[in-house]
Each structure stands twice: as C-alpha cells, then as structure tokens.
PDB file of N, CA and C in Angstrom:
ATOM      1  N   MET A   1       6.184 -12.588   5.567  1.00  0.00           N
ATOM      2  CA  MET A   1       4.763 -12.890   5.922  1.00  0.00           C
ATOM      3  C   MET A   1       4.778 -13.139   7.162  1.00  0.00           C
ATOM      4  N   VAL A   2       3.572 -13.031   7.802  1.00  0.00           N
ATOM      5  CA  VAL A   2       3.134 -13.378   9.188  1.00  0.00           C
ATOM      6  C   VAL A   2       1.606 -14.013   8.950  1.00  0.00           C
ATOM      7  N   PHE A   3       1.563 -15.103   9.783  1.00  0.00           N
ATOM      8  CA  PHE A   3       0.443 -16.192   9.878  1.00  0.00           C
ATOM      9  C   PHE A   3      -0.258 -15.349  10.934  1.00  0.00           C
ATOM     10  N   TYR A   4      -1.407 -15.146  10.476  1.00  0.00           N
ATOM     11  CA  TYR A   4      -2.580 -14.554  11.462  1.00  0.00           C
ATOM     12  C   TYR A   4      -3.785 -15.512  11.537  1.00  0.00           C
ATOM     13  N   VAL A   5      -4.471 -15.499  12.849  1.00  0.00           N
ATOM     14  CA  VAL A   5      -5.848 -16.242  12.892  1.00  0.00           C
ATOM     15  C   VAL A   5      -6.726 -14.942  13.215  1.00  0.00           C
ATOM     16  N   ILE A   6      -7.377 -14.654  12.876  1.00  0.00           N
ATOM     17  CA  ILE A   6      -8.579 -13.517  12.805  1.00  0.00           C
ATOM     18  C   ILE A   6      -9.813 -14.026  13.183  1.00  0.00           C
ATOM     19  N   SER A   7     -10.430 -13.656  14.477  1.00  0.00           N
ATOM     20  CA  SER A   7     -11.749 -14.014  14.784  1.00  0.00           C
ATOM     21  C   SER A   7     -12.527 -12.730  15.008  1.00  0.00           C
ATOM     22  N   TYR A   8     -13.813 -12.857  15.016  1.00  0.00           N
ATOM     23  CA  TYR A   8     -14.564 -11.815  15.245  1.00  0.00           C
ATOM     24  C   TYR A   8     -16.029 -12.561  15.603  1.00  0.00           C
ATOM     25  N   ASP A   9     -16.611 -11.588  16.075  1.00  0.00           N
ATOM     26  CA  ASP A   9     -17.958 -11.598  17.066  1.00  0.00           C
ATOM     27  C   ASP A   9     -18.726 -10.286  16.610  1.00  0.00           C
ATOM     28  N   ILE A  10     -19.414 -10.400  15.935  1.00  0.00           N
ATOM     29  CA  ILE A  10     -20.326  -9.167  15.271  1.00  0.00           C
ATOM     30  C   ILE A  10     -21.727  -9.800  15.069  1.00  0.00           C
ATOM     31  N   PRO A  11     -22.578  -8.637  16.355  1.00  0.00           N
ATOM     32  CA  PRO A  11     -23.953  -8.856  16.115  1.00  0.00           C
ATOM     33  C   PRO A  11     -24.748  -8.755  15.300  1.00  0.00           C
ATOM     34  N   CYS A  12     -24.105  -7.498  14.325  1.00  0.00           N
ATOM     35  CA  CYS A  12     -25.177  -7.228  13.109  1.00  0.00           C
ATOM     36  C   CYS A  12     -24.897  -7.957  11.911  1.00  0.00           C
ATOM     37  N   ASP A  13     -25.710  -8.452  11.411  1.00  0.00           N
ATOM     38  CA  ASP A  13     -25.987  -9.218  10.191  1.00  0.00           C
ATOM     39  C   ASP A  13     -25.508  -8.657   9.204  1.00  0.00           C
ATOM     40  N   LYS A  14     -25.549  -7.523   8.873  1.00  0.00           N
ATOM     41  CA  LYS A  14     -25.137  -6.864   7.679  1.00  0.00           C
ATOM     42  C   LYS A  14     -23.744  -6.675   8.030  1.00  0.00           C
ATOM     43  N   ARG A  15     -23.198  -6.123   9.164  1.00  0.00           N
ATOM     44  CA  ARG A  15     -21.861  -5.607   9.283  1.00  0.00           C
ATOM     45  C   ARG A  15     -21.019  -7.135   9.405  1.00  0.00           C
ATOM     46  N   ARG A  16     -21.521  -8.227   9.877  1.00  0.00           N
ATOM     47  CA  ARG A  16     -21.021  -9.492   9.986  1.00  0.00           C
ATOM     48  C   ARG A  16     -20.518  -9.712   8.513  1.00  0.00           C
ATOM     49  N   LEU A  17     -21.661  -9.571   7.752  1.00  0.00           N
ATOM     50  CA  LEU A  17     -21.617 -10.328   6.288  1.00  0.00           C
ATOM     51  C   LEU A  17     -20.353  -9.469   5.430  1.00  0.00           C
ATOM     52  N   LYS A  18     -20.452  -8.219   5.599  1.00  0.00           N
ATOM     53  CA  LYS A  18     -19.198  -7.370   5.335  1.00  0.00           C
ATOM     54  C   LYS A  18     -17.685  -7.589   5.671  1.00  0.00           C
ATOM     55  N   VAL A  19     -17.793  -7.933   6.641  1.00  0.00           N
ATOM     56  CA  VAL A  19     -16.601  -8.325   7.398  1.00  0.00           C
ATOM     57  C   VAL A  19     -15.948 -10.007   6.884  1.00  0.00           C
ATOM     58  N   ALA A  20     -17.061 -10.749   6.805  1.00  0.00           N
ATOM     59  CA  ALA A  20     -16.696 -12.059   6.378  1.00  0.00           C
ATOM     60  C   ALA A  20     -16.077 -11.918   5.009  1.00  0.00           C
ATOM     61  N   LYS A  21     -16.765 -11.091   4.237  1.00  0.00           N
ATOM     62  CA  LYS A  21     -16.542 -11.074   2.655  1.00  0.00           C
ATOM     63  C   LYS A  21     -15.478 -10.231   2.418  1.00  0.00           C
ATOM     64  N   LEU A  22     -14.696  -9.304   3.352  1.00  0.00           N
ATOM     65  CA  LEU A  22     -13.432  -8.650   3.397  1.00  0.00           C
ATOM     66  C   LEU A  22     -12.402  -9.646   3.901  1.00  0.00           C
ATOM     67  N   LEU A  23     -12.733 -10.250   4.768  1.00  0.00           N
ATOM     68  CA  LEU A  23     -11.573 -11.472   5.023  1.00  0.00           C
ATOM     69  C   LEU A  23     -11.766 -12.503   4.230  1.00  0.00           C
ATOM     70  N   GLU A  24     -12.409 -12.921   3.339  1.00  0.00           N
ATOM     71  CA  GLU A  24     -12.337 -13.654   2.627  1.00  0.00           C
ATOM     72  C   GLU A  24     -11.005 -13.576   1.460  1.00  0.00           C
ATOM     73  N   GLY A  25     -11.030 -12.002   1.024  1.00  0.00           N
ATOM     74  CA  GLY A  25     -10.276 -11.704   0.144  1.00  0.00           C
ATOM     75  C   GLY A  25      -8.562 -11.727   0.620  1.00  0.00           C
ATOM     76  N   TYR A  26      -8.589 -11.944   1.871  1.00  0.00           N
ATOM     77  CA  TYR A  26      -7.189 -11.870   2.564  1.00  0.00           C
ATOM     78  C   TYR A  26      -6.717 -13.351   2.675  1.00  0.00           C
ATOM     79  N   GLY A  27      -7.630 -14.327   3.260  1.00  0.00           N
ATOM     80  CA  GLY A  27      -7.419 -15.538   3.724  1.00  0.00           C
ATOM     81  C   GLY A  27      -8.353 -16.707   3.634  1.00  0.00           C
ATOM     82  N   GLN A  28      -8.302 -17.494   4.520  1.00  0.00           N
ATOM     83  CA  GLN A  28      -9.321 -18.920   4.305  1.00  0.00           C
ATOM     84  C   GLN A  28      -9.882 -18.802   5.606  1.00  0.00           C
ATOM     85  N   ARG A  29     -11.028 -19.111   5.251  1.00  0.00           N
ATOM     86  CA  ARG A  29     -12.168 -19.396   6.465  1.00  0.00           C
ATOM     87  C   ARG A  29     -12.018 -20.651   6.832  1.00  0.00           C
ATOM     88  N   VAL A  30     -11.809 -21.000   8.510  1.00  0.00           N
ATOM     89  CA  VAL A  30     -11.804 -22.182   9.027  1.00  0.00           C
ATOM     90  C   VAL A  30     -13.046 -22.561   9.763  1.00  0.00           C
ATOM     91  N   GLN A  31     -13.454 -21.319  10.480  1.00  0.00           N
ATOM     92  CA  GLN A  31     -14.993 -21.485  11.047  1.00  0.00           C
ATOM     93  C   GLN A  31     -15.590 -20.532  10.867  1.00  0.00           C
ATOM     94  N   TRP A  32     -17.133 -20.327  11.054  1.00  0.00           N
ATOM     95  CA  TRP A  32     -17.858 -19.294  10.893  1.00  0.00           C
ATOM     96  C   TRP A  32     -17.363 -17.867  11.101  1.00  0.00           C
ATOM     97  N   SER A  33     -16.759 -17.689  11.899  1.00  0.00           N
ATOM     98  CA  SER A  33     -15.942 -16.544  11.986  1.00  0.00           C
ATOM     99  C   SER A  33     -14.606 -16.208  12.796  1.00  0.00           C
ATOM    100  N   VAL A  34     -14.074 -17.301  11.935  1.00  0.00           N
ATOM    101  CA  VAL A  34     -12.327 -17.349  12.336  1.00  0.00           C
ATOM    102  C   VAL A  34     -11.723 -17.651  10.821  1.00  0.00           C
ATOM    103  N   PHE A  35     -10.821 -16.814  10.653  1.00  0.00           N
ATOM    104  CA  PHE A  35     -10.099 -16.786   9.366  1.00  0.00           C
ATOM    105  C   PHE A  35      -8.532 -16.881   9.706  1.00  0.00           C
ATOM    106  N   GLU A  36      -7.892 -17.756   8.449  1.00  0.00           N
ATOM    107  CA  GLU A  36      -6.408 -17.795   8.852  1.00  0.00           C
ATOM    108  C   GLU A  36      -5.933 -17.101   7.662  1.00  0.00           C
ATOM    109  N   CYS A  37      -4.913 -16.423   7.599  1.00  0.00           N
ATOM    110  CA  CYS A  37      -4.186 -15.242   6.609  1.00  0.00           C
ATOM    111  C   CYS A  37      -2.671 -15.237   6.498  1.00  0.00           C
ATOM    112  N   CYS A  38      -2.421 -15.397   5.677  1.00  0.00           N
ATOM    113  CA  CYS A  38      -0.659 -15.126   5.604  1.00  0.00           C
ATOM    114  C   CYS A  38      -0.668 -13.560   5.093  1.00  0.00           C
ATOM    115  N   LEU A  39       0.062 -12.807   5.807  1.00  0.00           N
ATOM    116  CA  LEU A  39       0.094 -11.761   5.151  1.00  0.00           C
ATOM    117  C   LEU A  39       1.583 -10.681   5.699  1.00  0.00           C
ATOM    118  N   ARG A  40       1.550 -10.060   4.464  1.00  0.00           N
ATOM    119  CA  ARG A  40       2.996  -8.786   4.649  1.00  0.00           C
ATOM    120  C   ARG A  40       2.306  -8.110   5.422  1.00  0.00           C
ATOM    121  N   PRO A  41       3.161  -7.228   6.137  1.00  0.00           N
ATOM    122  CA  PRO A  41       2.878  -5.890   6.983  1.00  0.00           C
ATOM    123  C   PRO A  41       2.207  -5.294   6.506  1.00  0.00           C
ATOM    124  N   ASP A  42       2.573  -4.817   5.071  1.00  0.00           N
ATOM    125  CA  ASP A  42       1.735  -3.753   4.370  1.00  0.00           C
ATOM    126  C   ASP A  42       0.361  -4.259   4.024  1.00  0.00           C
ATOM    127  N   GLN A  43       0.059  -5.366   3.691  1.00  0.00           N
ATOM    128  CA  GLN A  43      -1.426  -6.136   3.434  1.00  0.00           C
ATOM    129  C   GLN A  43      -1.922  -6.078   4.915  1.00  0.00           C
ATOM    130  N   PHE A  44      -1.225  -6.384   6.222  1.00  0.00           N
ATOM    131  CA  PHE A  44      -1.950  -6.601   7.276  1.00  0.00           C
ATOM    132  C   PHE A  44      -2.229  -5.025   7.911  1.00  0.00           C
ATOM    133  N   GLN A  45      -1.782  -4.161   7.284  1.00  0.00           N
ATOM    134  CA  GLN A  45      -2.169  -2.666   7.700  1.00  0.00           C
ATOM    135  C   GLN A  45      -3.483  -2.457   6.923  1.00  0.00           C
ATOM    136  N   GLN A  46      -3.255  -2.540   5.684  1.00  0.00           N
ATOM    137  CA  GLN A  46      -4.610  -2.505   4.608  1.00  0.00           C
ATOM    138  C   GLN A  46      -5.853  -3.225   5.249  1.00  0.00           C
ATOM    139  N   LEU A  47      -5.712  -4.337   5.604  1.00  0.00           N
ATOM    140  CA  LEU A  47      -6.893  -5.125   6.281  1.00  0.00           C
ATOM    141  C   LEU A  47      -7.370  -4.359   7.465  1.00  0.00           C
ATOM    142  N   GLN A  48      -6.427  -3.970   8.494  1.00  0.00           N
ATOM    143  CA  GLN A  48      -6.698  -3.513   9.564  1.00  0.00           C
ATOM    144  C   GLN A  48      -7.508  -2.274   9.357  1.00  0.00           C
ATOM    145  N   LYS A  49      -7.021  -1.452   8.489  1.00  0.00           N
ATOM    146  CA  LYS A  49      -8.006  -0.139   7.925  1.00  0.00           C
ATOM    147  C   LYS A  49      -9.014  -0.336   7.373  1.00  0.00           C
ATOM    148  N   ARG A  50      -9.201  -1.367   6.657  1.00  0.00           N
ATOM    149  CA  ARG A  50     -10.382  -1.468   5.989  1.00  0.00           C
ATOM    150  C   ARG A  50     -11.472  -2.096   7.099  1.00  0.00           C
ATOM    151  N   LEU A  51     -11.096  -2.818   7.817  1.00  0.00           N
ATOM    152  CA  LEU A  51     -11.943  -3.496   8.955  1.00  0.00           C
ATOM    153  C   LEU A  51     -12.264  -2.277  10.074  1.00  0.00           C
ATOM    154  N   ARG A  52     -11.478  -1.478  10.098  1.00  0.00           N
ATOM    155  CA  ARG A  52     -11.880   0.074  11.062  1.00  0.00           C
ATOM    156  C   ARG A  52     -13.118   0.429  10.684  1.00  0.00           C
ATOM    157  N   ARG A  53     -13.222   0.835   9.141  1.00  0.00           N
ATOM    158  CA  ARG A  53     -14.225   1.067   8.755  1.00  0.00           C
ATOM    159  C   ARG A  53     -15.680   0.728   8.875  1.00  0.00           C
ATOM    160  N   LEU A  54     -15.289  -0.649   8.993  1.00  0.00           N
ATOM    161  CA  LEU A  54     -16.717  -1.651   9.322  1.00  0.00           C
ATOM    162  C   LEU A  54     -16.662  -2.024  10.878  1.00  0.00           C
ATOM    163  N   TYR A  55     -16.086  -1.565  11.815  1.00  0.00           N
ATOM    164  CA  TYR A  55     -15.732  -2.074  13.242  1.00  0.00           C
ATOM    165  C   TYR A  55     -16.610  -1.165  13.733  1.00  0.00           C
ATOM    166  N   CYS A  56     -17.603  -1.474  14.636  1.00  0.00           N
ATOM    167  CA  CYS A  56     -18.517  -0.584  15.790  1.00  0.00           C
ATOM    168  C   CYS A  56     -18.259  -0.922  17.222  1.00  0.00           C
ATOM    169  N   SER A  57     -17.272   0.100  17.706  1.00  0.00           N
ATOM    170  CA  SER A  57     -16.936  -0.003  18.932  1.00  0.00           C
ATOM    171  C   SER A  57     -18.138  -0.008  19.964  1.00  0.00           C
ATOM    172  N   GLY A  58     -17.688  -0.867  20.901  1.00  0.00           N
ATOM    173  CA  GLY A  58     -18.973  -1.185  22.056  1.00  0.00           C
ATOM    174  C   GLY A  58     -19.861  -2.281  21.469  1.00  0.00           C
ATOM    175  N   GLU A  59     -19.775  -2.717  20.316  1.00  0.00           N
ATOM    176  CA  GLU A  59     -20.707  -3.929  19.787  1.00  0.00           C
ATOM    177  C   GLU A  59     -19.817  -5.009  19.499  1.00  0.00           C
ATOM    178  N   ASP A  60     -18.702  -4.751  18.453  1.00  0.00           N
ATOM    179  CA  ASP A  60     -17.990  -5.930  17.931  1.00  0.00           C
ATOM    180  C   ASP A  60     -16.854  -5.935  18.547  1.00  0.00           C
ATOM    181  N   SER A  61     -16.174  -7.418  18.239  1.00  0.00           N
ATOM    182  CA  SER A  61     -14.970  -7.528  18.811  1.00  0.00           C
ATOM    183  C   SER A  61     -14.260  -8.569  17.582  1.00  0.00           C
ATOM    184  N   ILE A  62     -13.125  -7.835  17.380  1.00  0.00           N
ATOM    185  CA  ILE A  62     -12.503  -8.626  16.541  1.00  0.00           C
ATOM    186  C   ILE A  62     -10.918  -8.644  16.917  1.00  0.00           C
ATOM    187  N   ARG A  63     -10.372  -9.863  16.883  1.00  0.00           N
ATOM    188  CA  ARG A  63      -9.039 -10.273  17.682  1.00  0.00           C
ATOM    189  C   ARG A  63      -8.082 -10.914  16.365  1.00  0.00           C
ATOM    190  N   PHE A  64      -6.736 -10.349  16.466  1.00  0.00           N
ATOM    191  CA  PHE A  64      -5.704 -10.918  15.848  1.00  0.00           C
ATOM    192  C   PHE A  64      -4.705 -11.594  15.998  1.00  0.00           C
ATOM    193  N   TYR A  65      -4.308 -12.855  15.987  1.00  0.00           N
ATOM    194  CA  TYR A  65      -3.632 -13.517  16.557  1.00  0.00           C
ATOM    195  C   TYR A  65      -2.275 -13.563  15.289  1.00  0.00           C
ATOM    196  N   PRO A  66      -1.343 -13.303  15.993  1.00  0.00           N
ATOM    197  CA  PRO A  66       0.127 -13.559  15.002  1.00  0.00           C
ATOM    198  C   PRO A  66       0.699 -15.033  15.282  1.00  0.00           C
ATOM    199  N   LEU A  67       1.103 -16.021  14.927  1.00  0.00           N
ATOM    200  CA  LEU A  67       1.746 -16.976  15.098  1.00  0.00           C
ATOM    201  C   LEU A  67       3.089 -16.848  13.869  1.00  0.00           C
ATOM    202  N   HIS A  68       4.151 -17.125  15.064  1.00  0.00           N
ATOM    203  CA  HIS A  68       5.461 -17.255  13.972  1.00  0.00           C
ATOM    204  C   HIS A  68       5.800 -18.742  14.279  1.00  0.00           C
ATOM    205  N   GLY A  69       6.886 -18.714  13.522  1.00  0.00           N
ATOM    206  CA  GLY A  69       7.902 -19.970  13.268  1.00  0.00           C
ATOM    207  C   GLY A  69       7.448 -21.008  14.197  1.00  0.00           C
ATOM    208  N   GLN A  70       7.792 -21.471  15.422  1.00  0.00           N
ATOM    209  CA  GLN A  70       7.613 -22.772  16.204  1.00  0.00           C
ATOM    210  C   GLN A  70       6.315 -22.953  16.425  1.00  0.00           C
ATOM    211  N   LEU A  71       5.370 -21.729  16.820  1.00  0.00           N
ATOM    212  CA  LEU A  71       4.217 -21.971  17.467  1.00  0.00           C
ATOM    213  C   LEU A  71       3.490 -22.358  16.016  1.00  0.00           C
ATOM    214  N   LEU A  72       3.693 -21.842  14.971  1.00  0.00           N
ATOM    215  CA  LEU A  72       2.883 -22.513  13.886  1.00  0.00           C
ATOM    216  C   LEU A  72       3.097 -23.561  13.651  1.00  0.00           C
ATOM    217  N   GLU A  73       4.483 -24.408  13.806  1.00  0.00           N
ATOM    218  CA  GLU A  73       4.744 -25.453  13.562  1.00  0.00           C
ATOM    219  C   GLU A  73       3.838 -26.610  14.580  1.00  0.00           C
ATOM    220  N   LYS A  74       3.369 -26.024  15.791  1.00  0.00           N
ATOM    221  CA  LYS A  74       2.594 -26.730  16.818  1.00  0.00           C
ATOM    222  C   LYS A  74       1.192 -26.772  16.585  1.00  0.00           C
ATOM    223  N   VAL A  75       0.918 -26.328  15.779  1.00  0.00           N
ATOM    224  CA  VAL A  75      -0.940 -26.281  15.595  1.00  0.00           C
ATOM    225  C   VAL A  75      -1.381 -27.571  15.372  1.00  0.00           C
ATOM    226  N   GLU A  76      -2.284 -28.153  16.035  1.00  0.00           N
ATOM    227  CA  GLU A  76      -3.003 -29.430  15.695  1.00  0.00           C
ATOM    228  C   GLU A  76      -4.280 -28.871  15.022  1.00  0.00           C
ATOM    229  N   ILE A  77      -4.784 -29.662  14.047  1.00  0.00           N
ATOM    230  CA  ILE A  77      -5.808 -29.485  13.341  1.00  0.00           C
ATOM    231  C   ILE A  77      -6.618 -30.625  13.198  1.00  0.00           C
ATOM    232  N   TRP A  78      -7.575 -30.762  13.748  1.00  0.00           N
ATOM    233  CA  TRP A  78      -8.504 -31.970  13.553  1.00  0.00           C
ATOM    234  C   TRP A  78      -9.766 -31.737  13.076  1.00  0.00           C
ATOM    235  N   GLY A  79      -9.761 -32.109  11.851  1.00  0.00           N
ATOM    236  CA  GLY A  79     -11.165 -31.614  10.691  1.00  0.00           C
ATOM    237  C   GLY A  79     -10.785 -30.455  10.145  1.00  0.00           C
ATOM    238  N   GLY A  80     -11.538 -30.177   9.155  1.00  0.00           N
ATOM    239  CA  GLY A  80     -11.511 -28.886   8.616  1.00  0.00           C
ATOM    240  C   GLY A  80     -10.481 -28.777   7.555  1.00  0.00           C
ATOM    241  N   PRO A  81     -10.106 -27.421   7.068  1.00  0.00           N
ATOM    242  CA  PRO A  81      -9.296 -27.098   5.930  1.00  0.00           C
ATOM    243  C   PRO A  81      -7.985 -27.222   6.664  1.00  0.00           C
ATOM    244  N   LEU A  82      -6.622 -27.554   5.793  1.00  0.00           N
ATOM    245  CA  LEU A  82      -5.330 -27.864   6.290  1.00  0.00           C
ATOM    246  C   LEU A  82      -5.006 -26.278   6.334  1.00  0.00           C
ATOM    247  N   LEU A  83      -4.103 -26.152   7.351  1.00  0.00           N
ATOM    248  CA  LEU A  83      -3.423 -25.395   7.447  1.00  0.00           C
ATOM    249  C   LEU A  83      -2.485 -24.793   6.450  1.00  0.00           C
ATOM    250  N   GLN A  84      -2.829 -23.161   6.111  1.00  0.00           N
ATOM    251  CA  GLN A  84      -1.999 -22.654   4.626  1.00  0.00           C
ATOM    252  C   GLN A  84      -0.887 -21.703   5.133  1.00  0.00           C
ATOM    253  N   SER A  85       0.049 -22.520   5.317  1.00  0.00           N
ATOM    254  CA  SER A  85       1.626 -21.846   5.624  1.00  0.00           C
ATOM    255  C   SER A  85       2.231 -20.736   4.937  1.00  0.00           C
ATOM    256  N   PRO A  86       2.611 -20.146   5.297  1.00  0.00           N
ATOM    257  CA  PRO A  86       3.204 -18.850   4.398  1.00  0.00           C
ATOM    258  C   PRO A  86       4.407 -19.530   3.863  1.00  0.00           C
ATOM    259  N   PRO A  87       4.530 -19.028   2.386  1.00  0.00           N
ATOM    260  CA  PRO A  87       5.540 -19.622   1.447  1.00  0.00           C
ATOM    261  C   PRO A  87       6.905 -19.316   1.983  1.00  0.00           C
ATOM    262  N   GLN A  88       7.774 -20.489   1.660  1.00  0.00           N
ATOM    263  CA  GLN A  88       9.257 -20.165   2.156  1.00  0.00           C
ATOM    264  C   GLN A  88       9.928 -19.215   1.444  1.00  0.00           C
ATOM    265  N   SER A  89       9.748 -19.054   0.061  1.00  0.00           N
ATOM    266  CA  SER A  89      10.346 -18.191  -0.542  1.00  0.00           C
ATOM    267  C   SER A  89       9.448 -17.586  -1.672  1.00  0.00           C
ATOM    268  N   VAL A  90       9.991 -16.411  -2.356  1.00  0.00           N
ATOM    269  CA  VAL A  90       9.033 -15.615  -3.139  1.00  0.00           C
ATOM    270  C   VAL A  90       9.870 -15.473  -4.489  1.00  0.00           C
ATOM    271  N   ILE A  91       9.161 -15.728  -5.328  1.00  0.00           N
ATOM    272  CA  ILE A  91       9.671 -15.534  -6.827  1.00  0.00           C
ATOM    273  C   ILE A  91       9.276 -14.289  -7.533  1.00  0.00           C
ATOM    274  N   VAL A  92       9.969 -13.350  -7.931  1.00  0.00           N
ATOM    275  CA  VAL A  92       9.717 -12.181  -8.444  1.00  0.00           C
ATOM    276  C   VAL A  92       9.728 -12.125  -9.928  1.00  0.00           C
TER     277      VAL A  92
END
C-alpha cells in the first residue's frame, strides 16, 4: 500500500461534489479539497480511472502526492484528524 495525499481545485460545484464523494470512498478528508488515502496499486489505478471521467482538462487540477516510509514518518499534524497510516500487515 502507498499513502497518497490527493488535492484538487475544481471550479464547477457539481463536478467538485462528485470528486469529493468519490474520494470519500477511498480515504479520509483532511481539508475541504485534500484527502489522505492508503491505496494498493490496483485501487490507485481504479481511482485515477474514475477521476479521469470527472476531470475537465483546462479547468480542473487534481494532484497526487505519494508518501513513502521515512517521509511519512516526518509528517507533522497541527489539529485536524490524525494520519491514517497503511497497515503493517494484512490478514487474509
């Protein structure tokens, strides 16, 4: 799993609401237009595919910031929800 910070700037209210609802199914909202998501590679690809359908080139901006290992450990949080880190192990 990879920890992603995903941010967006979407001027259209209708499209912005759809993007927010979609991202709520993948992670935790930490700001109005910022989400934190722990995703497997297949989940990340699926999310990007679904976002691509909503994205309007020339108007919208969506950014994906992957954070790994030591970088994730250096994240400082002042207020708001705590960081949801990827699970250390998976039980099947």
